[in-house]
Amino acid sequence: MKPIPIIDLFAGPGGLGEGFSSVKDNNGNFVFDIRLSIEKDESAHDTLLWRSFYRQFVLNGEIVPSEYYKAYRESDLRNREEIIKKALAKYPQGEHASNEAQLLELGSKAWPAKKVDKLIKSRLGDKSGNWVLIGGPPCQAYSNAGRSRVGGVSKDDHRVYLYKEYLRIIKKHKPAVFVMENVKGLLSAKVGNEKVFDWMKKDLVVGGKYELHSFVKPAIADKDYLIRSEDYGVPQQRHRVILLGVKKGLKHSGKYLEKLEEQINLESVIGKLPKVRSGITKTFIGFKEKELDKNGKPKRAYKIQQDSEELWNSILTGFIDKMKVWDEIPLNGLSKGAKRFKNGVGAEFLPCTNTIENSHKLKDWYRGIDSRKLKGVANHVSKGHMTQDLYRYLFSGLFVEKYGTFPRINDYAKHSDELVPDHSNAKSGDFSDRFRVQIKDKPATTVTCHISKDGHYFIHYDPEQCRSLTVREAARIQTFPDNYLFRGSRTQQFHQVGNAVPPYLARQLGEIVKSILEAK
């Protein structure tokens, strides 16, 4: 039996597709084949393209070429891109990948419906009808955070209606099954007085031609469509609405996601990755009284810092000395000053071995069959931070070690005025938990694309490293295999990871879809 075609819309870096494409049947054959992945973001598309190249070899049982691993182990981004460019041109699988991973924006003038339909038909070939549609229409408009900024969902926000392009494709091309992912906020989002989720459910049954199901349990209430990823082997408290649409005539197998008895904690998936220190970017030195910002307040003035091991050790040791005076929070291994790390701030590739315990449930998923060829991990560079933020990171990490919970803004203020951000509303609700340490013995909080900005919400639990998470750590939390290479700048890499569906969860969704299609 040939693999069942999949079309992946709004694909991001490919989390859903990665999970589905890993599903096998009882004979060890791959069940699904990603025929088309559509993404509008250029860096995410680049990641999709390179992963598709890798997948062509794996799907056909062929040896992955050495260029894939050479690119993985290349720390210079320009050199890496040159290796990838040559490999894509050298092998036929490069052309196949280019046909599969398409850089385009659904719903745009450049890609009207007829043009999109022609592309889909060409990629499905003679499998029209016996295929699966997956994807998550852009979700920022539905997110609780996004709505709070604008006072609700705007009827003029085109992202609200992009799911209708997804719906149009269902109506036109009639997949056997579709899977649609979105944020938790979708359940409460409204346009005017109408609940978005209500009209989505009404639309998606397509006049009675499809039945909607939950992946968790027989759906009765809206909340039954909500998946709590931490219950299913993902080391992250990521809660998402995921709908399963099944064409009338196909029977649901009665199979649902199975909860684990014990959740996977953060330390178990990132604790053995190479230790790296934070970088230093600048120091806040005061206000420019004669220069005002758009709100009419004096602009902040900074001194640019040239990052170095010596500077980092000097600054951190100074903070440690200040904290000794408090004689309240144990400094543990830092009582003599900042630690030195052989890997510095990390790199786009760091040689290493044994990055996860052999007994770990996800060890094989992360490391795969080619871990020896990787010879380390990619995308493991720390962010640079303002020196005052390093003080907060250090304090919050040590605070968590003592109290088991991250400090609130009042805890910062209680110990030192220097720990309080220099914002007029620092003690308001907006900043009460702005600096959040990830707790090592629990699943991480939700990784979002905001991690690409300041990282304050994603502080590493190890105060010695005194930093926010790296891309590889965020990717581990999202359950991307280690051989998954994220392309683009570090900011773009963070953005891709934060927007993705956890591949390990997607694999379990794929198993359920497989059970439905096998019962035909």
Protein backbone atom coordinates (compact mmCIF):
# COMPACT_ATOMS: atom_id res chain seq x y z
CA MET A 1 0.00 0.00 0.00
CA LYS A 2 1.39 3.36 -1.04
CA PRO A 3 1.56 6.17 1.54
CA ILE A 4 -1.55 8.33 1.88
CA PRO A 5 -1.01 11.88 0.57
CA ILE A 6 -1.11 14.84 2.94
CA ILE A 7 -1.58 18.52 2.18
CA ASP A 8 -0.29 20.78 4.98
CA LEU A 9 -1.63 24.35 5.04
CA PHE A 10 -0.18 27.19 7.15
CA ALA A 11 2.61 24.69 7.80
CA GLY A 12 5.05 26.85 9.80
CA PRO A 13 8.34 24.92 10.14
CA GLY A 14 6.47 21.62 9.78
CA GLY A 15 5.52 20.33 13.23
CA LEU A 16 2.27 18.69 12.18
CA GLY A 17 3.80 17.27 9.03
CA GLU A 18 6.79 15.87 10.93
CA GLY A 19 4.54 13.98 13.31
CA PHE A 20 2.28 12.55 10.61
CA SER A 21 5.16 11.56 8.36
CA SER A 22 6.70 9.48 11.16
CA VAL A 23 3.69 7.16 11.50
CA LYS A 24 4.28 3.58 10.34
CA ASP A 25 2.07 0.54 9.77
CA ASN A 26 2.54 -2.91 11.30
CA ASN A 27 5.07 -3.80 8.61
CA GLY A 28 7.26 -0.78 9.31
CA ASN A 29 6.14 1.13 6.22
CA PHE A 30 5.41 4.85 6.36
CA VAL A 31 1.66 5.52 6.28
CA PHE A 32 1.64 9.15 5.11
CA ASP A 33 3.42 11.16 2.43
CA ILE A 34 3.55 14.97 2.61
CA ARG A 35 2.75 16.01 -0.96
CA LEU A 36 2.41 19.74 -0.37
CA SER A 37 3.34 22.10 2.48
CA ILE A 38 2.26 25.71 2.17
CA GLU A 39 3.83 28.48 4.25
CA LYS A 40 4.13 32.24 3.69
CA ASP A 41 7.07 32.99 6.03
CA GLU A 42 10.35 32.72 4.14
CA SER A 43 12.53 31.39 6.94
CA ALA A 44 9.92 28.81 8.00
CA HIS A 45 9.63 27.77 4.35
CA ASP A 46 13.40 27.34 4.16
CA THR A 47 13.22 25.01 7.16
CA LEU A 48 10.34 23.08 5.56
CA LEU A 49 12.25 22.75 2.30
CA TRP A 50 15.37 21.31 3.93
CA ARG A 51 13.35 18.92 6.08
CA SER A 52 11.47 17.74 3.01
CA PHE A 53 14.81 17.04 1.34
CA TYR A 54 15.82 14.87 4.32
CA ARG A 55 12.45 13.11 4.37
CA GLN A 56 12.64 12.00 0.73
CA PHE A 57 15.58 9.74 1.56
CA VAL A 58 14.08 8.38 4.79
CA LEU A 59 10.69 7.67 3.19
CA ASN A 60 12.32 5.58 0.47
CA GLY A 61 14.77 3.79 2.75
CA GLU A 62 17.79 5.52 1.21
CA ILE A 63 20.92 6.83 2.91
CA VAL A 64 20.69 10.52 3.80
CA PRO A 65 23.56 12.27 2.01
CA SER A 66 26.54 13.55 3.96
CA GLU A 67 25.67 17.14 2.96
CA TYR A 68 22.70 17.07 5.32
CA TYR A 69 24.93 16.41 8.30
CA LYS A 70 27.61 18.75 7.03
CA ALA A 71 25.06 21.58 6.96
CA TYR A 72 23.86 20.56 10.41
CA ARG A 73 27.38 20.77 11.85
CA GLU A 74 28.19 24.12 10.19
CA SER A 75 28.20 27.00 12.67
CA ASP A 76 28.55 29.79 10.12
CA LEU A 77 25.07 30.59 8.79
CA ARG A 78 26.31 31.74 5.40
CA ASN A 79 28.39 28.62 4.89
CA ARG A 80 25.46 26.48 6.01
CA GLU A 81 23.16 28.09 3.45
CA GLU A 82 25.74 27.52 0.71
CA ILE A 83 25.98 23.82 1.59
CA ILE A 84 22.19 23.53 1.51
CA LYS A 85 21.88 25.36 -1.80
CA LYS A 86 24.38 23.04 -3.47
CA ALA A 87 22.79 19.90 -2.02
CA LEU A 88 19.32 20.89 -3.21
CA ALA A 89 20.69 21.42 -6.72
CA LYS A 90 22.79 18.23 -6.72
CA TYR A 91 20.18 15.63 -5.80
CA PRO A 92 16.81 14.86 -7.48
CA GLN A 93 15.30 14.94 -4.00
CA GLY A 94 16.03 18.67 -3.98
CA GLU A 95 13.62 19.24 -6.86
CA HIS A 96 11.04 17.03 -5.16
CA ALA A 97 11.40 19.06 -1.96
CA SER A 98 10.98 22.32 -3.92
CA ASN A 99 7.74 21.01 -5.39
CA GLU A 100 6.47 19.94 -1.98
CA ALA A 101 7.40 22.97 0.15
CA GLN A 102 5.77 26.02 -1.41
CA LEU A 103 6.38 29.62 -0.34
CA LEU A 104 3.03 31.31 -0.85
CA GLU A 105 0.31 33.18 1.02
CA LEU A 106 -3.15 31.66 0.93
CA GLY A 107 -5.90 34.21 0.40
CA SER A 108 -3.55 36.72 -1.24
CA LYS A 109 -4.04 38.37 -4.64
CA ALA A 110 -0.97 36.56 -5.94
CA TRP A 111 -2.58 33.21 -5.13
CA PRO A 112 -6.30 33.26 -6.05
CA ALA A 113 -8.41 30.16 -5.48
CA LYS A 114 -8.03 28.80 -9.02
CA LYS A 115 -4.25 28.92 -8.82
CA VAL A 116 -4.20 27.20 -5.42
CA ASP A 117 -6.64 24.53 -6.63
CA LYS A 118 -4.47 23.77 -9.64
CA LEU A 119 -1.43 23.36 -7.42
CA ILE A 120 -3.25 21.03 -5.02
CA LYS A 121 -4.64 18.91 -7.83
CA SER A 122 -1.22 18.56 -9.42
CA ARG A 123 0.31 17.41 -6.14
CA LEU A 124 -2.47 14.94 -5.31
CA GLY A 125 -2.44 13.32 -8.74
CA ASP A 126 -4.83 10.37 -8.94
CA LYS A 127 -5.30 10.26 -5.15
CA SER A 128 -8.05 12.86 -5.12
CA GLY A 129 -10.48 11.96 -2.34
CA ASN A 130 -8.15 9.51 -0.56
CA TRP A 131 -5.97 12.03 1.21
CA VAL A 132 -5.63 14.03 4.44
CA LEU A 133 -5.66 17.80 4.98
CA ILE A 134 -3.82 19.18 8.01
CA GLY A 135 -2.93 22.66 9.23
CA GLY A 136 -3.61 25.53 11.59
CA PRO A 137 -4.93 28.81 10.21
CA PRO A 138 -3.10 31.80 11.80
CA CYS A 139 -4.18 32.01 15.41
CA GLN A 140 -2.99 35.37 16.76
CA ALA A 141 -6.43 36.91 16.29
CA TYR A 142 -8.01 34.28 18.54
CA SER A 143 -5.36 34.15 21.26
CA ASN A 144 -6.30 35.52 24.67
CA ALA A 145 -3.19 37.72 24.69
CA GLY A 146 -3.86 39.09 21.23
CA ARG A 147 -7.49 39.87 21.99
CA SER A 148 -6.62 41.62 25.25
CA ARG A 149 -4.37 44.00 23.34
CA VAL A 150 -7.06 45.05 20.88
CA GLY A 151 -10.16 44.63 23.05
CA GLY A 152 -11.55 41.54 21.30
CA VAL A 153 -11.51 39.92 17.87
CA SER A 154 -11.90 42.46 15.10
CA LYS A 155 -14.24 41.52 12.26
CA ASP A 156 -11.80 43.29 9.94
CA ASP A 157 -8.84 41.09 10.95
CA HIS A 158 -8.23 38.91 7.88
CA ARG A 159 -6.66 36.21 10.07
CA VAL A 160 -10.12 35.49 11.53
CA TYR A 161 -11.30 34.43 8.10
CA LEU A 162 -8.23 32.60 6.81
CA TYR A 163 -9.73 29.39 8.12
CA LYS A 164 -12.34 29.89 5.38
CA GLU A 165 -9.61 29.26 2.82
CA TYR A 166 -8.99 26.01 4.68
CA LEU A 167 -12.75 25.36 4.54
CA ARG A 168 -12.90 26.19 0.83
CA ILE A 169 -10.21 23.62 0.11
CA ILE A 170 -12.18 20.99 2.05
CA LYS A 171 -15.28 21.73 -0.02
CA LYS A 172 -13.40 21.76 -3.32
CA HIS A 173 -11.02 18.82 -2.91
CA LYS A 174 -12.91 16.61 -0.43
CA PRO A 175 -10.20 15.02 1.76
CA ALA A 176 -11.08 11.79 3.56
CA VAL A 177 -9.98 13.35 6.84
CA PHE A 178 -8.92 16.80 7.96
CA VAL A 179 -7.14 18.00 11.10
CA MET A 180 -7.33 21.67 12.09
CA GLU A 181 -5.30 23.12 14.98
CA ASN A 182 -5.77 26.42 16.77
CA VAL A 183 -5.24 28.20 20.09
CA LYS A 184 -7.27 27.68 23.25
CA GLY A 185 -8.67 31.20 22.89
CA LEU A 186 -10.71 30.02 19.91
CA LEU A 187 -13.23 28.51 22.36
CA SER A 188 -14.14 31.94 23.76
CA ALA A 189 -13.39 34.21 20.79
CA LYS A 190 -16.27 36.26 19.43
CA VAL A 191 -16.91 38.50 16.46
CA GLY A 192 -19.65 40.80 17.65
CA ASN A 193 -21.97 38.61 19.71
CA GLU A 194 -21.26 35.44 17.74
CA LYS A 195 -18.84 32.77 18.97
CA VAL A 196 -16.19 32.04 16.35
CA PHE A 197 -16.04 28.37 17.34
CA ASP A 198 -19.79 27.92 16.79
CA TRP A 199 -19.73 29.10 13.20
CA MET A 200 -16.54 27.17 12.53
CA LYS A 201 -18.14 23.93 13.68
CA LYS A 202 -21.23 24.68 11.62
CA ASP A 203 -19.14 25.43 8.53
CA LEU A 204 -16.76 22.49 8.87
CA VAL A 205 -19.41 19.79 8.68
CA VAL A 206 -19.90 21.06 5.10
CA GLY A 207 -23.63 20.53 4.91
CA GLY A 208 -23.51 17.17 6.68
CA LYS A 209 -20.73 15.72 4.53
CA TYR A 210 -18.29 15.54 7.46
CA GLU A 211 -18.50 14.66 11.13
CA LEU A 212 -16.42 16.50 13.71
CA HIS A 213 -14.61 14.58 16.44
CA SER A 214 -12.32 15.27 19.35
CA PHE A 215 -8.95 13.54 19.65
CA VAL A 216 -9.42 13.26 23.41
CA LYS A 217 -12.89 11.79 23.96
CA PRO A 218 -16.35 11.63 22.36
CA ALA A 219 -17.12 15.34 22.06
CA ILE A 220 -20.10 16.72 23.94
CA ALA A 221 -18.96 20.19 25.02
CA ASP A 222 -16.59 22.65 23.32
CA LYS A 223 -13.93 21.99 25.96
CA ASP A 224 -13.73 18.36 24.77
CA TYR A 225 -11.81 19.57 21.70
CA LEU A 226 -9.04 20.99 23.89
CA ILE A 227 -5.81 18.97 24.05
CA ARG A 228 -3.46 19.44 27.02
CA SER A 229 -0.15 18.45 25.49
CA GLU A 230 1.55 17.72 28.83
CA ASP A 231 -0.85 14.80 29.34
CA TYR A 232 0.45 13.10 26.19
CA GLY A 233 4.21 13.07 26.50
CA VAL A 234 5.01 16.67 25.55
CA PRO A 235 7.16 18.39 28.23
CA GLN A 236 5.13 21.57 27.94
CA GLN A 237 1.84 22.97 29.20
CA ARG A 238 0.57 23.70 25.71
CA HIS A 239 -3.23 23.71 25.38
CA ARG A 240 -4.64 23.72 21.88
CA VAL A 241 -7.98 23.17 20.16
CA ILE A 242 -7.62 20.46 17.50
CA LEU A 243 -10.55 19.34 15.37
CA LEU A 244 -10.79 16.03 13.55
CA GLY A 245 -13.08 16.00 10.53
CA VAL A 246 -14.10 12.65 9.07
CA LYS A 247 -15.93 12.25 5.78
CA LYS A 248 -19.34 10.65 5.97
CA GLY A 249 -18.99 6.99 5.04
CA LEU A 250 -15.83 6.56 7.05
CA LYS A 251 -16.20 5.20 10.56
CA HIS A 252 -14.39 6.62 13.56
CA SER A 253 -12.29 3.84 15.06
CA GLY A 254 -13.07 4.78 18.66
CA LYS A 255 -9.38 5.38 19.28
CA TYR A 256 -8.37 8.47 21.31
CA LEU A 257 -5.22 9.95 22.77
CA GLU A 258 -4.00 8.01 25.78
CA LYS A 259 -2.89 9.95 28.84
CA LEU A 260 0.46 9.14 30.40
CA GLU A 261 0.54 8.24 34.06
CA GLU A 262 3.38 10.68 34.63
CA GLN A 263 4.15 13.95 32.85
CA ILE A 264 7.60 14.59 31.38
CA ASN A 265 9.46 17.38 33.15
CA LEU A 266 11.66 20.08 31.67
CA GLU A 267 14.98 19.05 33.21
CA SER A 268 14.74 15.57 31.72
CA VAL A 269 14.72 16.94 28.15
CA ILE A 270 17.15 19.89 28.36
CA GLY A 271 19.24 19.17 31.47
CA LYS A 272 21.98 17.26 29.64
CA LEU A 273 22.36 19.66 26.72
CA PRO A 274 25.69 21.54 26.72
CA LYS A 275 25.79 24.32 29.33
CA VAL A 276 26.20 27.81 27.91
CA ARG A 277 26.28 31.23 29.53
CA SER A 278 24.21 34.27 28.64
CA GLY A 279 25.55 36.96 26.36
CA ILE A 280 25.77 40.65 27.26
CA THR A 281 24.45 43.39 24.99
CA LYS A 282 24.14 46.66 26.89
CA THR A 283 23.72 48.40 30.25
CA PHE A 284 20.98 50.85 31.18
CA ILE A 285 22.64 54.09 32.34
CA GLY A 286 19.74 56.53 32.78
CA PHE A 287 17.35 58.74 30.83
CA LYS A 288 17.82 61.30 28.07
CA GLU A 289 15.88 64.18 29.60
CA LYS A 290 15.94 66.22 26.38
CA GLU A 291 14.82 63.33 24.12
CA LEU A 292 11.24 62.15 24.45
CA ASP A 293 9.60 58.97 23.19
CA LYS A 294 6.20 58.79 21.46
CA ASN A 295 4.50 58.95 24.87
CA GLY A 296 6.29 62.17 25.80
CA LYS A 297 8.58 60.50 28.34
CA PRO A 298 12.39 60.73 28.41
CA LYS A 299 14.08 58.09 26.30
CA ARG A 300 16.26 55.49 28.00
CA ALA A 301 20.01 55.67 27.52
CA TYR A 302 22.20 52.61 27.22
CA LYS A 303 25.87 51.79 27.03
CA ILE A 304 26.69 49.14 24.44
CA GLN A 305 28.79 46.32 25.87
CA GLN A 306 31.32 44.18 24.01
CA ASP A 307 30.52 40.68 25.23
CA SER A 308 33.41 38.63 26.60
CA GLU A 309 34.00 35.84 29.09
CA GLU A 310 35.87 38.22 31.38
CA LEU A 311 33.13 40.86 31.34
CA TRP A 312 30.44 38.27 31.99
CA ASN A 313 32.33 36.79 34.95
CA SER A 314 33.01 40.22 36.38
CA ILE A 315 29.39 41.37 36.15
CA LEU A 316 27.90 38.12 37.47
CA THR A 317 30.40 37.92 40.33
CA GLY A 318 29.48 41.49 41.26
CA PHE A 319 25.81 40.53 41.43
CA ILE A 320 26.66 37.45 43.50
CA ASP A 321 28.60 39.61 45.97
CA LYS A 322 25.58 41.88 46.40
CA MET A 323 23.35 38.88 47.08
CA LYS A 324 25.74 37.53 49.74
CA VAL A 325 24.90 40.54 51.90
CA TRP A 326 21.24 39.53 52.03
CA ASP A 327 22.18 36.22 53.65
CA GLU A 328 18.78 34.82 52.73
CA ILE A 329 18.92 32.99 49.42
CA PRO A 330 21.48 30.14 49.22
CA LEU A 331 24.02 30.75 46.46
CA ASN A 332 24.84 27.03 46.26
CA GLY A 333 27.73 26.58 43.82
CA LEU A 334 28.00 30.32 43.14
CA SER A 335 29.30 31.43 46.54
CA LYS A 336 32.80 32.01 45.08
CA GLY A 337 31.59 33.84 41.98
CA ALA A 338 30.40 33.14 38.45
CA LYS A 339 31.17 29.78 36.81
CA ARG A 340 33.09 29.46 33.56
CA PHE A 341 31.68 27.43 30.69
CA LYS A 342 33.87 25.91 28.00
CA ASN A 343 31.13 26.48 25.41
CA GLY A 344 30.77 30.21 26.13
CA VAL A 345 27.49 31.50 24.72
CA GLY A 346 27.08 28.40 22.56
CA ALA A 347 27.05 28.14 18.79
CA GLU A 348 24.95 27.16 15.80
CA PHE A 349 26.58 23.76 16.33
CA LEU A 350 28.13 22.35 19.48
CA PRO A 351 29.88 18.94 19.52
CA CYS A 352 28.51 16.74 22.32
CA THR A 353 27.26 13.26 23.22
CA ASN A 354 24.79 11.79 25.70
CA THR A 355 22.35 14.70 25.70
CA ILE A 356 19.48 12.71 27.21
CA GLU A 357 19.21 9.75 29.56
CA ASN A 358 19.12 6.35 27.84
CA SER A 359 16.02 5.43 29.85
CA HIS A 360 14.07 8.52 28.82
CA LYS A 361 10.73 7.85 27.14
CA LEU A 362 11.54 10.22 24.26
CA LYS A 363 15.22 9.35 23.86
CA ASP A 364 14.78 7.55 20.53
CA TRP A 365 12.37 10.21 19.31
CA TYR A 366 14.84 13.04 19.95
CA ARG A 367 18.07 11.34 18.96
CA GLY A 368 16.83 9.08 16.14
CA ILE A 369 18.87 6.57 14.20
CA ASP A 370 21.40 9.13 12.96
CA SER A 371 22.52 10.70 16.26
CA ARG A 372 26.10 9.52 15.70
CA LYS A 373 26.17 11.33 12.38
CA LEU A 374 24.99 14.54 14.04
CA LYS A 375 27.92 14.47 16.51
CA GLY A 376 26.29 17.22 18.55
CA VAL A 377 23.37 19.66 18.55
CA ALA A 378 22.55 22.60 16.30
CA ASN A 379 20.76 25.89 17.06
CA HIS A 380 22.15 26.05 20.60
CA VAL A 381 23.17 29.71 21.03
CA SER A 382 22.12 31.82 24.02
CA LYS A 383 20.52 35.22 23.63
CA GLY A 384 22.31 38.38 24.65
CA HIS A 385 20.80 40.30 27.56
CA MET A 386 21.00 43.69 29.23
CA THR A 387 23.17 43.54 32.37
CA GLN A 388 20.30 44.57 34.67
CA ASP A 389 18.25 41.66 33.31
CA LEU A 390 21.08 39.27 34.16
CA TYR A 391 20.75 40.38 37.78
CA ARG A 392 17.04 39.55 37.65
CA TYR A 393 17.69 36.20 35.96
CA LEU A 394 20.28 35.27 38.58
CA PHE A 395 18.03 36.27 41.46
CA SER A 396 14.96 34.54 40.03
CA GLY A 397 16.85 31.31 39.36
CA LEU A 398 18.17 31.15 42.92
CA PHE A 399 14.76 32.16 44.28
CA VAL A 400 13.15 29.21 42.49
CA GLU A 401 15.79 26.84 43.87
CA LYS A 402 14.83 27.88 47.40
CA TYR A 403 11.08 28.40 47.16
CA GLY A 404 10.04 26.19 44.22
CA THR A 405 8.20 29.01 42.46
CA PHE A 406 9.30 32.02 40.44
CA PRO A 407 9.38 35.44 42.16
CA ARG A 408 6.78 38.14 41.58
CA ILE A 409 7.71 41.78 41.16
CA ASN A 410 7.19 42.41 44.89
CA ASP A 411 9.83 39.80 45.67
CA TYR A 412 12.31 41.67 43.46
CA ALA A 413 11.46 44.98 45.13
CA LYS A 414 11.79 43.49 48.60
CA HIS A 415 15.42 42.54 48.00
CA SER A 416 16.77 45.41 45.89
CA ASP A 417 15.52 48.41 43.94
CA GLU A 418 18.04 47.45 41.26
CA LEU A 419 15.98 44.34 40.52
CA VAL A 420 12.85 46.34 39.66
CA PRO A 421 12.51 47.21 35.94
CA ASP A 422 12.78 50.92 35.19
CA HIS A 423 9.21 51.17 33.91
CA SER A 424 6.55 53.42 35.42
CA ASN A 425 4.10 50.49 35.55
CA ALA A 426 6.65 47.94 36.81
CA LYS A 427 4.53 47.09 39.84
CA SER A 428 1.27 46.82 37.91
CA GLY A 429 -0.32 43.60 36.71
CA ASP A 430 1.50 43.90 33.39
CA PHE A 431 4.86 43.28 35.07
CA SER A 432 3.90 41.17 38.09
CA ASP A 433 5.24 37.99 36.50
CA ARG A 434 7.23 39.41 33.59
CA PHE A 435 10.36 37.48 34.59
CA ARG A 436 9.47 33.81 34.80
CA VAL A 437 11.86 30.96 35.49
CA GLN A 438 10.91 27.62 33.99
CA ILE A 439 10.48 25.05 36.78
CA LYS A 440 12.77 22.08 36.17
CA ASP A 441 10.63 19.33 37.72
CA LYS A 442 7.48 20.27 35.76
CA PRO A 443 6.57 20.57 32.09
CA ALA A 444 7.56 23.97 30.70
CA THR A 445 5.03 26.72 30.17
CA THR A 446 3.80 27.28 26.62
CA VAL A 447 6.58 28.13 24.19
CA THR A 448 5.33 31.00 22.02
CA CYS A 449 6.85 33.07 19.24
CA HIS A 450 7.35 35.87 21.81
CA ILE A 451 10.46 33.97 22.92
CA SER A 452 12.10 35.54 19.85
CA LYS A 453 11.93 38.97 21.52
CA ASP A 454 13.23 39.22 25.08
CA GLY A 455 13.12 35.73 26.61
CA HIS A 456 12.06 37.03 30.06
CA TYR A 457 9.24 34.52 30.23
CA PHE A 458 11.56 31.62 29.40
CA ILE A 459 14.42 31.87 31.90
CA HIS A 460 16.51 28.72 32.29
CA TYR A 461 16.15 27.14 35.73
CA ASP A 462 19.94 26.91 36.18
CA PRO A 463 21.11 30.19 37.79
CA GLU A 464 24.73 29.38 36.92
CA GLN A 465 23.92 29.78 33.22
CA CYS A 466 21.83 32.90 33.94
CA ARG A 467 20.00 33.13 30.63
CA SER A 468 16.85 32.46 28.67
CA LEU A 469 16.37 29.29 26.62
CA THR A 470 18.17 28.55 23.37
CA VAL A 471 16.42 27.55 20.15
CA ARG A 472 17.45 23.90 20.63
CA GLU A 473 16.08 23.87 24.16
CA ALA A 474 12.80 25.36 22.94
CA ALA A 475 12.79 22.77 20.14
CA ARG A 476 13.27 19.97 22.69
CA ILE A 477 10.33 21.34 24.68
CA GLN A 478 8.31 21.33 21.45
CA THR A 479 9.52 17.73 20.80
CA PHE A 480 11.32 18.40 17.52
CA PRO A 481 13.89 15.66 16.81
CA ASP A 482 17.48 16.81 17.26
CA ASN A 483 18.22 16.30 13.55
CA TYR A 484 15.61 18.94 12.69
CA LEU A 485 17.60 21.96 11.53
CA PHE A 486 16.02 25.40 11.84
CA ARG A 487 17.19 27.84 9.21
CA GLY A 488 17.32 31.63 9.24
CA SER A 489 18.55 34.03 11.91
CA ARG A 490 18.26 33.08 15.57
CA THR A 491 15.24 35.38 15.94
CA GLN A 492 13.58 33.66 12.97
CA GLN A 493 14.42 30.25 14.41
CA PHE A 494 12.77 31.15 17.72
CA HIS A 495 9.70 32.41 15.89
CA GLN A 496 9.38 29.16 13.95
CA VAL A 497 9.68 26.96 17.02
CA GLY A 498 7.18 29.04 19.01
CA ASN A 499 4.54 28.82 16.27
CA ALA A 500 4.82 25.06 15.70
CA VAL A 501 2.67 22.10 16.68
CA PRO A 502 4.66 19.63 18.83
CA PRO A 503 5.66 16.84 16.41
CA TYR A 504 5.41 14.11 19.07
CA LEU A 505 1.80 15.09 19.71
CA ALA A 506 1.18 15.25 15.95
CA ARG A 507 2.49 11.71 15.63
CA GLN A 508 -0.17 10.51 18.06
CA LEU A 509 -2.83 12.39 16.09
CA GLY A 510 -1.53 10.66 12.99
CA GLU A 511 -1.93 7.26 14.63
CA ILE A 512 -5.62 8.02 15.23
CA VAL A 513 -6.11 9.18 11.64
CA LYS A 514 -4.38 6.00 10.46
CA SER A 515 -6.82 3.87 12.48
CA ILE A 516 -9.76 5.59 10.77
CA LEU A 517 -8.39 5.13 7.27
CA GLU A 518 -7.44 1.50 7.94
CA ALA A 519 -11.04 0.76 8.88
CA LYS A 520 -12.32 1.73 5.42
